[in-house]
Amino acid sequence: MVTPDDVKAYIEQGLQCEYISVDGDGRHFEAVIVSAAFEGKGMLQQHQLVYRVLGDRMEDIHALSMKTFTPEQWSQRT
């Protein structure tokens, strides 16, 4: 079974993150990801980038909900 720590590690292997948090129950996961790689990209493009990083591992993850931020957006959130 895939754990939240596994999903976090998978993302970190392919994407430099300033902050990442993953919670889940083994099938459904929620992630908060902050990365400079998101600069200049819309939300859909940011999510597609994460899905590309996960690649075939998405077959083992039933559902992944994401909140993605650039470092600037993260620092400005209230």
PDB file of N, CA and C in Angstrom:
ATOM      1  N   MET A   1       0.839  -1.180   0.000  1.00  0.00           N
ATOM      2  CA  MET A   1       0.000   0.000   0.000  1.00  0.00           C
ATOM      3  C   MET A   1       0.889   1.250   0.000  1.00  0.00           C
ATOM      4  N   VAL A   2       0.491   2.233  -0.772  1.00  0.00           N
ATOM      5  CA  VAL A   2       1.225   3.497  -0.872  1.00  0.00           C
ATOM      6  C   VAL A   2       0.888   4.362   0.338  1.00  0.00           C
ATOM      7  N   THR A   3       1.903   4.947   0.937  1.00  0.00           N
ATOM      8  CA  THR A   3       1.701   5.812   2.099  1.00  0.00           C
ATOM      9  C   THR A   3       1.873   7.280   1.691  1.00  0.00           C
ATOM     10  N   PRO A   4       1.396   8.216   2.529  1.00  0.00           N
ATOM     11  CA  PRO A   4       1.642   9.629   2.246  1.00  0.00           C
ATOM     12  C   PRO A   4       3.134   9.944   2.118  1.00  0.00           C
ATOM     13  N   ASP A   5       3.973   9.300   2.928  1.00  0.00           N
ATOM     14  CA  ASP A   5       5.421   9.514   2.831  1.00  0.00           C
ATOM     15  C   ASP A   5       5.960   9.036   1.481  1.00  0.00           C
ATOM     16  N   ASP A   6       5.392   7.944   0.948  1.00  0.00           N
ATOM     17  CA  ASP A   6       5.796   7.467  -0.379  1.00  0.00           C
ATOM     18  C   ASP A   6       5.473   8.509  -1.439  1.00  0.00           C
ATOM     19  N   VAL A   7       4.256   9.031  -1.413  1.00  0.00           N
ATOM     20  CA  VAL A   7       3.835  10.021  -2.405  1.00  0.00           C
ATOM     21  C   VAL A   7       4.717  11.261  -2.305  1.00  0.00           C
ATOM     22  N   LYS A   8       4.984  11.688  -1.091  1.00  0.00           N
ATOM     23  CA  LYS A   8       5.861  12.840  -0.881  1.00  0.00           C
ATOM     24  C   LYS A   8       7.239  12.587  -1.489  1.00  0.00           C
ATOM     25  N   ALA A   9       7.799  11.432  -1.230  1.00  0.00           N
ATOM     26  CA  ALA A   9       9.122  11.080  -1.764  1.00  0.00           C
ATOM     27  C   ALA A   9       9.105  11.015  -3.286  1.00  0.00           C
ATOM     28  N   TYR A  10       8.054  10.439  -3.864  1.00  0.00           N
ATOM     29  CA  TYR A  10       7.946  10.356  -5.325  1.00  0.00           C
ATOM     30  C   TYR A  10       7.988  11.759  -5.937  1.00  0.00           C
ATOM     31  N   ILE A  11       7.231  12.682  -5.351  1.00  0.00           N
ATOM     32  CA  ILE A  11       7.185  14.047  -5.882  1.00  0.00           C
ATOM     33  C   ILE A  11       8.539  14.729  -5.716  1.00  0.00           C
ATOM     34  N   GLU A  12       9.140  14.571  -4.541  1.00  0.00           N
ATOM     35  CA  GLU A  12      10.434  15.213  -4.276  1.00  0.00           C
ATOM     36  C   GLU A  12      11.542  14.675  -5.176  1.00  0.00           C
ATOM     37  N   GLN A  13      11.415  13.443  -5.644  1.00  0.00           N
ATOM     38  CA  GLN A  13      12.433  12.867  -6.527  1.00  0.00           C
ATOM     39  C   GLN A  13      12.495  13.579  -7.873  1.00  0.00           C
ATOM     40  N   GLY A  14      11.369  14.130  -8.308  1.00  0.00           N
ATOM     41  CA  GLY A  14      11.329  14.741  -9.630  1.00  0.00           C
ATOM     42  C   GLY A  14      11.034  16.225  -9.644  1.00  0.00           C
ATOM     43  N   LEU A  15      10.818  16.819  -8.471  1.00  0.00           N
ATOM     44  CA  LEU A  15      10.437  18.222  -8.409  1.00  0.00           C
ATOM     45  C   LEU A  15      11.047  18.847  -7.166  1.00  0.00           C
ATOM     46  N   GLN A  16      11.824  19.905  -7.360  1.00  0.00           N
ATOM     47  CA  GLN A  16      12.412  20.583  -6.208  1.00  0.00           C
ATOM     48  C   GLN A  16      11.308  21.379  -5.514  1.00  0.00           C
ATOM     49  N   CYS A  17      11.064  21.064  -4.262  1.00  0.00           N
ATOM     50  CA  CYS A  17       9.978  21.689  -3.507  1.00  0.00           C
ATOM     51  C   CYS A  17      10.538  22.506  -2.349  1.00  0.00           C
ATOM     52  N   GLU A  18      10.007  23.700  -2.192  1.00  0.00           N
ATOM     53  CA  GLU A  18      10.351  24.508  -1.030  1.00  0.00           C
ATOM     54  C   GLU A  18       9.578  24.011   0.193  1.00  0.00           C
ATOM     55  N   TYR A  19       8.383  23.457  -0.077  1.00  0.00           N
ATOM     56  CA  TYR A  19       7.552  22.883   0.989  1.00  0.00           C
ATOM     57  C   TYR A  19       6.649  21.845   0.346  1.00  0.00           C
ATOM     58  N   ILE A  20       6.438  20.756   1.045  1.00  0.00           N
ATOM     59  CA  ILE A  20       5.487  19.745   0.587  1.00  0.00           C
ATOM     60  C   ILE A  20       4.910  19.027   1.792  1.00  0.00           C
ATOM     61  N   SER A  21       3.605  18.824   1.744  1.00  0.00           N
ATOM     62  CA  SER A  21       2.897  18.085   2.786  1.00  0.00           C
ATOM     63  C   SER A  21       1.916  17.147   2.090  1.00  0.00           C
ATOM     64  N   VAL A  22       1.907  15.890   2.488  1.00  0.00           N
ATOM     65  CA  VAL A  22       0.984  14.915   1.899  1.00  0.00           C
ATOM     66  C   VAL A  22       0.300  14.155   3.023  1.00  0.00           C
ATOM     67  N   ASP A  23      -1.016  14.107   2.952  1.00  0.00           N
ATOM     68  CA  ASP A  23      -1.825  13.312   3.882  1.00  0.00           C
ATOM     69  C   ASP A  23      -2.656  12.343   3.062  1.00  0.00           C
ATOM     70  N   GLY A  24      -3.062  11.242   3.679  1.00  0.00           N
ATOM     71  CA  GLY A  24      -3.910  10.306   2.956  1.00  0.00           C
ATOM     72  C   GLY A  24      -4.101   9.007   3.693  1.00  0.00           C
ATOM     73  N   ASP A  25      -4.947   8.164   3.093  1.00  0.00           N
ATOM     74  CA  ASP A  25      -5.322   6.903   3.723  1.00  0.00           C
ATOM     75  C   ASP A  25      -4.831   5.675   2.963  1.00  0.00           C
ATOM     76  N   GLY A  26      -3.933   5.879   1.995  1.00  0.00           N
ATOM     77  CA  GLY A  26      -3.439   4.750   1.212  1.00  0.00           C
ATOM     78  C   GLY A  26      -4.043   4.681  -0.173  1.00  0.00           C
ATOM     79  N   ARG A  27      -5.168   5.333  -0.382  1.00  0.00           N
ATOM     80  CA  ARG A  27      -5.807   5.393  -1.704  1.00  0.00           C
ATOM     81  C   ARG A  27      -6.121   6.832  -2.108  1.00  0.00           C
ATOM     82  N   HIS A  28      -6.529   7.627  -1.155  1.00  0.00           N
ATOM     83  CA  HIS A  28      -6.880   9.023  -1.409  1.00  0.00           C
ATOM     84  C   HIS A  28      -5.864   9.917  -0.697  1.00  0.00           C
ATOM     85  N   PHE A  29      -5.279  10.830  -1.454  1.00  0.00           N
ATOM     86  CA  PHE A  29      -4.222  11.683  -0.909  1.00  0.00           C
ATOM     87  C   PHE A  29      -4.520  13.153  -1.169  1.00  0.00           C
ATOM     88  N   GLU A  30      -4.056  13.994  -0.258  1.00  0.00           N
ATOM     89  CA  GLU A  30      -4.134  15.441  -0.400  1.00  0.00           C
ATOM     90  C   GLU A  30      -2.725  15.990  -0.233  1.00  0.00           C
ATOM     91  N   ALA A  31      -2.313  16.833  -1.171  1.00  0.00           N
ATOM     92  CA  ALA A  31      -0.961  17.384  -1.134  1.00  0.00           C
ATOM     93  C   ALA A  31      -0.986  18.902  -1.228  1.00  0.00           C
ATOM     94  N   VAL A  32      -0.083  19.526  -0.492  1.00  0.00           N
ATOM     95  CA  VAL A  32       0.211  20.950  -0.628  1.00  0.00           C
ATOM     96  C   VAL A  32       1.658  21.013  -1.087  1.00  0.00           C
ATOM     97  N   ILE A  33       1.869  21.635  -2.250  1.00  0.00           N
ATOM     98  CA  ILE A  33       3.201  21.636  -2.861  1.00  0.00           C
ATOM     99  C   ILE A  33       3.588  23.064  -3.220  1.00  0.00           C
ATOM    100  N   VAL A  34       4.755  23.473  -2.761  1.00  0.00           N
ATOM    101  CA  VAL A  34       5.298  24.793  -3.081  1.00  0.00           C
ATOM    102  C   VAL A  34       6.594  24.573  -3.856  1.00  0.00           C
ATOM    103  N   SER A  35       6.647  25.107  -5.086  1.00  0.00           N
ATOM    104  CA  SER A  35       7.825  24.902  -5.915  1.00  0.00           C
ATOM    105  C   SER A  35       8.041  26.084  -6.851  1.00  0.00           C
ATOM    106  N   ALA A  36       9.295  26.463  -7.017  1.00  0.00           N
ATOM    107  CA  ALA A  36       9.643  27.512  -7.979  1.00  0.00           C
ATOM    108  C   ALA A  36       9.361  27.054  -9.411  1.00  0.00           C
ATOM    109  N   ALA A  37       9.271  25.745  -9.623  1.00  0.00           N
ATOM    110  CA  ALA A  37       8.969  25.213 -10.957  1.00  0.00           C
ATOM    111  C   ALA A  37       7.573  25.617 -11.425  1.00  0.00           C
ATOM    112  N   PHE A  38       6.728  26.066 -10.516  1.00  0.00           N
ATOM    113  CA  PHE A  38       5.372  26.489 -10.858  1.00  0.00           C
ATOM    114  C   PHE A  38       5.303  27.929 -11.361  1.00  0.00           C
ATOM    115  N   GLU A  39       6.414  28.670 -11.237  1.00  0.00           N
ATOM    116  CA  GLU A  39       6.444  30.071 -11.666  1.00  0.00           C
ATOM    117  C   GLU A  39       6.000  30.186 -13.126  1.00  0.00           C
ATOM    118  N   GLY A  40       5.086  31.119 -13.393  1.00  0.00           N
ATOM    119  CA  GLY A  40       4.642  31.388 -14.757  1.00  0.00           C
ATOM    120  C   GLY A  40       3.672  30.373 -15.320  1.00  0.00           C
ATOM    121  N   LYS A  41       3.241  29.421 -14.514  1.00  0.00           N
ATOM    122  CA  LYS A  41       2.308  28.386 -14.968  1.00  0.00           C
ATOM    123  C   LYS A  41       0.963  28.573 -14.273  1.00  0.00           C
ATOM    124  N   GLY A  42      -0.093  28.274 -14.987  1.00  0.00           N
ATOM    125  CA  GLY A  42      -1.423  28.267 -14.401  1.00  0.00           C
ATOM    126  C   GLY A  42      -1.599  27.024 -13.544  1.00  0.00           C
ATOM    127  N   MET A  43      -2.700  26.981 -12.802  1.00  0.00           N
ATOM    128  CA  MET A  43      -2.948  25.865 -11.892  1.00  0.00           C
ATOM    129  C   MET A  43      -2.980  24.528 -12.642  1.00  0.00           C
ATOM    130  N   LEU A  44      -3.636  24.476 -13.791  1.00  0.00           N
ATOM    131  CA  LEU A  44      -3.709  23.230 -14.550  1.00  0.00           C
ATOM    132  C   LEU A  44      -2.315  22.770 -14.962  1.00  0.00           C
ATOM    133  N   GLN A  45      -1.485  23.693 -15.433  1.00  0.00           N
ATOM    134  CA  GLN A  45      -0.117  23.336 -15.824  1.00  0.00           C
ATOM    135  C   GLN A  45       0.701  22.868 -14.625  1.00  0.00           C
ATOM    136  N   GLN A  46       0.485  23.482 -13.473  1.00  0.00           N
ATOM    137  CA  GLN A  46       1.185  23.065 -12.256  1.00  0.00           C
ATOM    138  C   GLN A  46       0.811  21.635 -11.899  1.00  0.00           C
ATOM    139  N   HIS A  47      -0.479  21.326 -11.942  1.00  0.00           N
ATOM    140  CA  HIS A  47      -0.938  19.981 -11.607  1.00  0.00           C
ATOM    141  C   HIS A  47      -0.425  18.969 -12.626  1.00  0.00           C
ATOM    142  N   GLN A  48      -0.421  19.344 -13.900  1.00  0.00           N
ATOM    143  CA  GLN A  48       0.096  18.442 -14.934  1.00  0.00           C
ATOM    144  C   GLN A  48       1.574  18.138 -14.692  1.00  0.00           C
ATOM    145  N   LEU A  49       2.318  19.124 -14.239  1.00  0.00           N
ATOM    146  CA  LEU A  49       3.732  18.922 -13.926  1.00  0.00           C
ATOM    147  C   LEU A  49       3.895  17.874 -12.827  1.00  0.00           C
ATOM    148  N   VAL A  50       3.080  17.961 -11.789  1.00  0.00           N
ATOM    149  CA  VAL A  50       3.150  16.982 -10.693  1.00  0.00           C
ATOM    150  C   VAL A  50       2.760  15.594 -11.206  1.00  0.00           C
ATOM    151  N   TYR A  51       1.711  15.513 -12.023  1.00  0.00           N
ATOM    152  CA  TYR A  51       1.310  14.216 -12.573  1.00  0.00           C
ATOM    153  C   TYR A  51       2.414  13.619 -13.452  1.00  0.00           C
ATOM    154  N   ARG A  52       3.109  14.463 -14.221  1.00  0.00           N
ATOM    155  CA  ARG A  52       4.222  13.961 -15.039  1.00  0.00           C
ATOM    156  C   ARG A  52       5.333  13.417 -14.153  1.00  0.00           C
ATOM    157  N   VAL A  53       5.614  14.112 -13.057  1.00  0.00           N
ATOM    158  CA  VAL A  53       6.642  13.648 -12.115  1.00  0.00           C
ATOM    159  C   VAL A  53       6.252  12.289 -11.538  1.00  0.00           C
ATOM    160  N   LEU A  54       4.992  12.121 -11.210  1.00  0.00           N
ATOM    161  CA  LEU A  54       4.529  10.853 -10.634  1.00  0.00           C
ATOM    162  C   LEU A  54       4.490   9.741 -11.674  1.00  0.00           C
ATOM    163  N   GLY A  55       4.210  10.074 -12.912  1.00  0.00           N
ATOM    164  CA  GLY A  55       4.211   9.106 -14.008  1.00  0.00           C
ATOM    165  C   GLY A  55       3.387   7.867 -13.720  1.00  0.00           C
ATOM    166  N   ASP A  56       3.985   6.694 -13.934  1.00  0.00           N
ATOM    167  CA  ASP A  56       3.288   5.416 -13.770  1.00  0.00           C
ATOM    168  C   ASP A  56       2.874   5.142 -12.327  1.00  0.00           C
ATOM    169  N   ARG A  57       3.473   5.854 -11.385  1.00  0.00           N
ATOM    170  CA  ARG A  57       3.096   5.645  -9.978  1.00  0.00           C
ATOM    171  C   ARG A  57       1.652   6.056  -9.713  1.00  0.00           C
ATOM    172  N   MET A  58       1.087   6.878 -10.601  1.00  0.00           N
ATOM    173  CA  MET A  58      -0.309   7.277 -10.432  1.00  0.00           C
ATOM    174  C   MET A  58      -1.248   6.069 -10.497  1.00  0.00           C
ATOM    175  N   GLU A  59      -0.796   4.978 -11.105  1.00  0.00           N
ATOM    176  CA  GLU A  59      -1.615   3.766 -11.156  1.00  0.00           C
ATOM    177  C   GLU A  59      -1.867   3.207  -9.758  1.00  0.00           C
ATOM    178  N   ASP A  60      -0.946   3.458  -8.824  1.00  0.00           N
ATOM    179  CA  ASP A  60      -1.077   2.961  -7.456  1.00  0.00           C
ATOM    180  C   ASP A  60      -1.792   3.954  -6.539  1.00  0.00           C
ATOM    181  N   ILE A  61      -2.029   5.149  -7.057  1.00  0.00           N
ATOM    182  CA  ILE A  61      -2.685   6.203  -6.267  1.00  0.00           C
ATOM    183  C   ILE A  61      -4.089   6.392  -6.827  1.00  0.00           C
ATOM    184  N   HIS A  62      -5.088   6.090  -6.032  1.00  0.00           N
ATOM    185  CA  HIS A  62      -6.467   6.162  -6.516  1.00  0.00           C
ATOM    186  C   HIS A  62      -6.882   7.604  -6.795  1.00  0.00           C
ATOM    187  N   ALA A  63      -6.571   8.502  -5.878  1.00  0.00           N
ATOM    188  CA  ALA A  63      -6.964   9.904  -6.045  1.00  0.00           C
ATOM    189  C   ALA A  63      -5.937  10.811  -5.375  1.00  0.00           C
ATOM    190  N   LEU A  64      -5.618  11.906  -6.062  1.00  0.00           N
ATOM    191  CA  LEU A  64      -4.679  12.877  -5.521  1.00  0.00           C
ATOM    192  C   LEU A  64      -5.263  14.271  -5.708  1.00  0.00           C
ATOM    193  N   SER A  65      -5.540  14.921  -4.596  1.00  0.00           N
ATOM    194  CA  SER A  65      -6.005  16.298  -4.598  1.00  0.00           C
ATOM    195  C   SER A  65      -4.805  17.176  -4.263  1.00  0.00           C
ATOM    196  N   MET A  66      -4.624  18.256  -5.036  1.00  0.00           N
ATOM    197  CA  MET A  66      -3.440  19.096  -4.839  1.00  0.00           C
ATOM    198  C   MET A  66      -3.808  20.561  -4.677  1.00  0.00           C
ATOM    199  N   LYS A  67      -3.021  21.225  -3.846  1.00  0.00           N
ATOM    200  CA  LYS A  67      -2.985  22.677  -3.795  1.00  0.00           C
ATOM    201  C   LYS A  67      -1.542  23.034  -4.100  1.00  0.00           C
ATOM    202  N   THR A  68      -1.334  23.764  -5.190  1.00  0.00           N
ATOM    203  CA  THR A  68       0.017  24.100  -5.618  1.00  0.00           C
ATOM    204  C   THR A  68       0.229  25.606  -5.532  1.00  0.00           C
ATOM    205  N   PHE A  69       1.436  25.983  -5.146  1.00  0.00           N
ATOM    206  CA  PHE A  69       1.779  27.387  -4.959  1.00  0.00           C
ATOM    207  C   PHE A  69       3.200  27.645  -5.442  1.00  0.00           C
ATOM    208  N   THR A  70       3.432  28.841  -5.958  1.00  0.00           N
ATOM    209  CA  THR A  70       4.797  29.304  -6.166  1.00  0.00           C
ATOM    210  C   THR A  70       5.282  29.771  -4.792  1.00  0.00           C
ATOM    211  N   PRO A  71       6.586  29.917  -4.587  1.00  0.00           N
ATOM    212  CA  PRO A  71       7.065  30.424  -3.300  1.00  0.00           C
ATOM    213  C   PRO A  71       6.470  31.800  -2.960  1.00  0.00           C
ATOM    214  N   GLU A  72       6.305  32.660  -3.966  1.00  0.00           N
ATOM    215  CA  GLU A  72       5.726  33.985  -3.712  1.00  0.00           C
ATOM    216  C   GLU A  72       4.264  33.872  -3.260  1.00  0.00           C
ATOM    217  N   GLN A  73       3.490  33.024  -3.950  1.00  0.00           N
ATOM    218  CA  GLN A  73       2.100  32.826  -3.540  1.00  0.00           C
ATOM    219  C   GLN A  73       2.018  32.263  -2.126  1.00  0.00           C
ATOM    220  N   TRP A  74       2.899  31.337  -1.808  1.00  0.00           N
ATOM    221  CA  TRP A  74       2.923  30.714  -0.479  1.00  0.00           C
ATOM    222  C   TRP A  74       3.215  31.742   0.599  1.00  0.00           C
ATOM    223  N   SER A  75       4.153  32.640   0.324  1.00  0.00           N
ATOM    224  CA  SER A  75       4.528  33.635   1.324  1.00  0.00           C
ATOM    225  C   SER A  75       3.444  34.702   1.515  1.00  0.00           C
ATOM    226  N   GLN A  76       2.575  34.864   0.511  1.00  0.00           N
ATOM    227  CA  GLN A  76       1.536  35.888   0.590  1.00  0.00           C
ATOM    228  C   GLN A  76       0.198  35.368   1.099  1.00  0.00           C
ATOM    229  N   ARG A  77       0.084  34.085   1.307  1.00  0.00           N
ATOM    230  CA  ARG A  77      -1.211  33.537   1.752  1.00  0.00           C
ATOM    231  C   ARG A  77      -1.483  33.981   3.201  1.00  0.00           C
ATOM    232  N   THR A  78      -2.742  34.099   3.504  1.00  0.00           N
ATOM    233  CA  THR A  78      -3.116  34.565   4.854  1.00  0.00           C
ATOM    234  C   THR A  78      -3.562  33.428   5.725  1.00  0.00           C
TER     235      THR A  78
END
